[in-house]
C-alpha atoms as a PDB file:
ATOM      1  CA  MET A   1       0.000   0.000   0.000  1.00  0.00           C
ATOM      2  CA  MET A   2       1.287   3.507  -0.904  1.00  0.00           C
ATOM      3  CA  ALA A   3       1.767   6.168   1.694  1.00  0.00           C
ATOM      4  CA  ARG A   4      -0.054   9.440   1.080  1.00  0.00           C
ATOM      5  CA  VAL A   5       2.189  12.437   0.573  1.00  0.00           C
ATOM      6  CA  PRO A   6       0.833  15.567   2.202  1.00  0.00           C
ATOM      7  CA  MET A   7       0.439  18.550  -0.156  1.00  0.00           C
ATOM      8  CA  LEU A   8       0.973  22.147   0.791  1.00  0.00           C
ATOM      9  CA  ARG A   9      -1.568  24.755  -0.149  1.00  0.00           C
ATOM     10  CA  PRO A  10      -0.470  27.446  -2.600  1.00  0.00           C
ATOM     11  CA  ARG A  11       0.823  30.540  -0.844  1.00  0.00           C
ATOM     12  CA  LEU A  12      -0.300  32.943  -3.563  1.00  0.00           C
ATOM     13  CA  ALA A  13      -3.929  33.880  -3.916  1.00  0.00           C
ATOM     14  CA  VAL A  14      -5.616  33.410  -7.261  1.00  0.00           C
ATOM     15  CA  ILE A  15      -7.139  36.542  -8.750  1.00  0.00           C
ATOM     16  CA  ASP A  16     -10.126  36.304 -11.043  1.00  0.00           C
ATOM     17  CA  THR A  17      -9.240  38.869 -13.730  1.00  0.00           C
ATOM     18  CA  ARG A  18     -12.711  38.695 -15.230  1.00  0.00           C
ATOM     19  CA  THR A  19     -13.994  40.772 -12.345  1.00  0.00           C
ATOM     20  CA  ALA A  20     -11.094  43.239 -12.157  1.00  0.00           C
ATOM     21  CA  LYS A  21     -12.445  46.630 -13.124  1.00  0.00           C
ATOM     22  CA  PRO A  22     -10.291  49.153 -14.990  1.00  0.00           C
ATOM     23  CA  GLY A  23      -9.789  52.588 -13.528  1.00  0.00           C
ATOM     24  CA  PRO A  24     -11.999  55.467 -14.605  1.00  0.00           C
ATOM     25  CA  LYS A  25     -11.386  56.871 -18.074  1.00  0.00           C
ATOM     26  CA  LEU A  26      -9.921  60.338 -17.864  1.00  0.00           C
ATOM     27  CA  ARG A  27     -10.408  62.751 -20.727  1.00  0.00           C
ATOM     28  CA  ALA A  28      -8.245  65.717 -21.574  1.00  0.00           C
ATOM     29  CA  ALA A  29      -9.581  69.064 -20.383  1.00  0.00           C
ATOM     30  CA  HIS A  30      -9.743  70.259 -24.003  1.00  0.00           C
ATOM     31  CA  TYR A  31     -12.750  68.024 -24.727  1.00  0.00           C
ATOM     32  CA  GLY A  32     -14.918  69.828 -22.175  1.00  0.00           C
ATOM     33  CA  THR A  33     -14.363  73.348 -23.481  1.00  0.00           C
ATOM     34  CA  PRO A  34     -17.222  75.253 -25.148  1.00  0.00           C
ATOM     35  CA  GLU A  35     -15.064  75.588 -28.280  1.00  0.00           C
ATOM     36  CA  HIS A  36     -14.648  71.834 -28.592  1.00  0.00           C
ATOM     37  CA  VAL A  37     -18.338  71.189 -27.941  1.00  0.00           C
ATOM     38  CA  GLU A  38     -19.240  73.607 -30.749  1.00  0.00           C
ATOM     39  CA  TRP A  39     -16.620  72.039 -33.060  1.00  0.00           C
ATOM     40  CA  SER A  40     -18.076  68.594 -32.331  1.00  0.00           C
ATOM     41  CA  ARG A  41     -21.632  69.719 -33.089  1.00  0.00           C
ATOM     42  CA  ALA A  42     -20.516  71.363 -36.328  1.00  0.00           C
ATOM     43  CA  VAL A  43     -18.661  68.233 -37.493  1.00  0.00           C
ATOM     44  CA  ILE A  44     -21.665  65.991 -36.813  1.00  0.00           C
ATOM     45  CA  ARG A  45     -24.104  68.479 -38.358  1.00  0.00           C
ATOM     46  CA  ARG A  46     -21.940  68.708 -41.499  1.00  0.00           C
ATOM     47  CA  ALA A  47     -22.054  64.901 -41.873  1.00  0.00           C
ATOM     48  CA  GLY A  48     -25.824  65.052 -42.313  1.00  0.00           C
ATOM     49  CA  GLY A  49     -26.565  62.149 -39.987  1.00  0.00           C
ATOM     50  CA  MET A  50     -24.311  59.651 -41.759  1.00  0.00           C
ATOM     51  CA  CYS A  51     -21.144  57.906 -40.595  1.00  0.00           C
ATOM     52  CA  GLN A  52     -18.161  59.085 -42.620  1.00  0.00           C
ATOM     53  CA  GLY A  53     -16.115  55.956 -41.952  1.00  0.00           C
ATOM     54  CA  LYS A  54     -14.734  54.309 -45.073  1.00  0.00           C
ATOM     55  CA  GLY A  55     -17.512  52.157 -46.559  1.00  0.00           C
ATOM     56  CA  CYS A  56     -19.840  52.521 -43.552  1.00  0.00           C
ATOM     57  CA  GLY A  57     -22.597  55.102 -44.046  1.00  0.00           C
ATOM     58  CA  ARG A  58     -24.639  54.116 -40.973  1.00  0.00           C
ATOM     59  CA  THR A  59     -27.442  56.498 -40.118  1.00  0.00           C
ATOM     60  CA  ASP A  60     -29.168  54.825 -37.153  1.00  0.00           C
ATOM     61  CA  THR A  61     -26.678  55.457 -34.387  1.00  0.00           C
ATOM     62  CA  ARG A  62     -24.945  57.939 -32.106  1.00  0.00           C
ATOM     63  CA  PHE A  63     -22.039  59.762 -33.720  1.00  0.00           C
ATOM     64  CA  PHE A  64     -18.658  60.834 -32.430  1.00  0.00           C
ATOM     65  CA  ALA A  65     -16.829  63.862 -33.763  1.00  0.00           C
ATOM     66  CA  ASP A  66     -13.418  62.398 -34.495  1.00  0.00           C
ATOM     67  CA  HIS A  67     -10.144  64.157 -35.253  1.00  0.00           C
ATOM     68  CA  ILE A  68      -8.866  62.733 -38.548  1.00  0.00           C
ATOM     69  CA  ALA A  69      -5.295  63.504 -37.475  1.00  0.00           C
ATOM     70  CA  GLU A  70      -5.392  62.844 -33.740  1.00  0.00           C
ATOM     71  CA  LEU A  71      -4.351  65.582 -31.340  1.00  0.00           C
ATOM     72  CA  LYS A  72      -1.555  63.353 -29.986  1.00  0.00           C
ATOM     73  CA  ASP A  73      -0.217  63.163 -33.528  1.00  0.00           C
ATOM     74  CA  GLY A  74      -0.283  66.939 -34.074  1.00  0.00           C
ATOM     75  CA  GLY A  75      -3.783  67.316 -35.545  1.00  0.00           C
ATOM     76  CA  ALA A  76      -5.535  70.693 -35.353  1.00  0.00           C
ATOM     77  CA  ALA A  77      -7.925  70.714 -32.411  1.00  0.00           C
ATOM     78  CA  LEU A  78     -10.665  72.986 -33.757  1.00  0.00           C
ATOM     79  CA  ASP A  79     -10.198  72.864 -37.544  1.00  0.00           C
ATOM     80  CA  LEU A  80     -13.374  71.547 -39.201  1.00  0.00           C
ATOM     81  CA  ALA A  81     -11.231  70.070 -41.979  1.00  0.00           C
ATOM     82  CA  ASN A  82      -9.685  67.800 -39.327  1.00  0.00           C
ATOM     83  CA  GLY A  83     -13.058  66.412 -38.235  1.00  0.00           C
ATOM     84  CA  GLN A  84     -15.307  63.572 -39.280  1.00  0.00           C
ATOM     85  CA  ALA A  85     -18.452  62.048 -37.803  1.00  0.00           C
ATOM     86  CA  LEU A  86     -18.042  58.351 -37.014  1.00  0.00           C
ATOM     87  CA  CYS A  87     -20.347  55.699 -35.577  1.00  0.00           C
ATOM     88  CA  GLY A  88     -19.104  53.937 -32.448  1.00  0.00           C
ATOM     89  CA  THR A  89     -17.722  50.959 -34.369  1.00  0.00           C
ATOM     90  CA  CYS A  90     -15.766  53.064 -36.858  1.00  0.00           C
ATOM     91  CA  HIS A  91     -14.537  55.402 -34.112  1.00  0.00           C
ATOM     92  CA  GLY A  92     -13.263  52.526 -31.982  1.00  0.00           C
ATOM     93  CA  THR A  93     -11.568  50.843 -34.956  1.00  0.00           C
ATOM     94  CA  LYS A  94      -9.899  54.075 -36.105  1.00  0.00           C
ATOM     95  CA  THR A  95      -8.738  55.005 -32.603  1.00  0.00           C
ATOM     96  CA  ALA A  96      -7.276  51.532 -31.955  1.00  0.00           C
ATOM     97  CA  ALA A  97      -5.425  51.589 -35.293  1.00  0.00           C
ATOM     98  CA  ALA A  98      -3.990  55.048 -34.576  1.00  0.00           C
ATOM     99  CA  ARG A  99      -2.887  53.936 -31.094  1.00  0.00           C
ATOM    100  CA  ALA A 100      -1.218  50.801 -32.497  1.00  0.00           C
ATOM    101  CA  ALA A 101       0.581  52.826 -35.191  1.00  0.00           C
ATOM    102  CA  ARG A 102       1.793  55.301 -32.562  1.00  0.00           C
ATOM    103  CA  GLN A 103       3.200  52.463 -30.413  1.00  0.00           C
ATOM    104  CA  GLN A 104       5.104  50.988 -33.338  1.00  0.00           C
ATOM    105  CA  GLY A 105       6.863  54.286 -33.746  1.00  0.00           C
END
């Protein structure tokens, strides 16, 4: 008959990362200024209720006024020529691609 070998319990706690909540999203102060709010409204109004994302054209959604050349990349903050109205999907895709390109240098 085999003798049972006692096992020690793990000393490190297991963390369930599915329930870990990220910190609050902080936005730059620029986005709360009256000038930016007016710029945003003008960009969305100019789009005529249609997403300007490449090949999208959605009309049934909330729009985001997006800087074509992002501010972090030197884009003009309040130039209407640097703005486009994007649906949430297109905005998220464009922002993620710009972030990835910036990280690659």
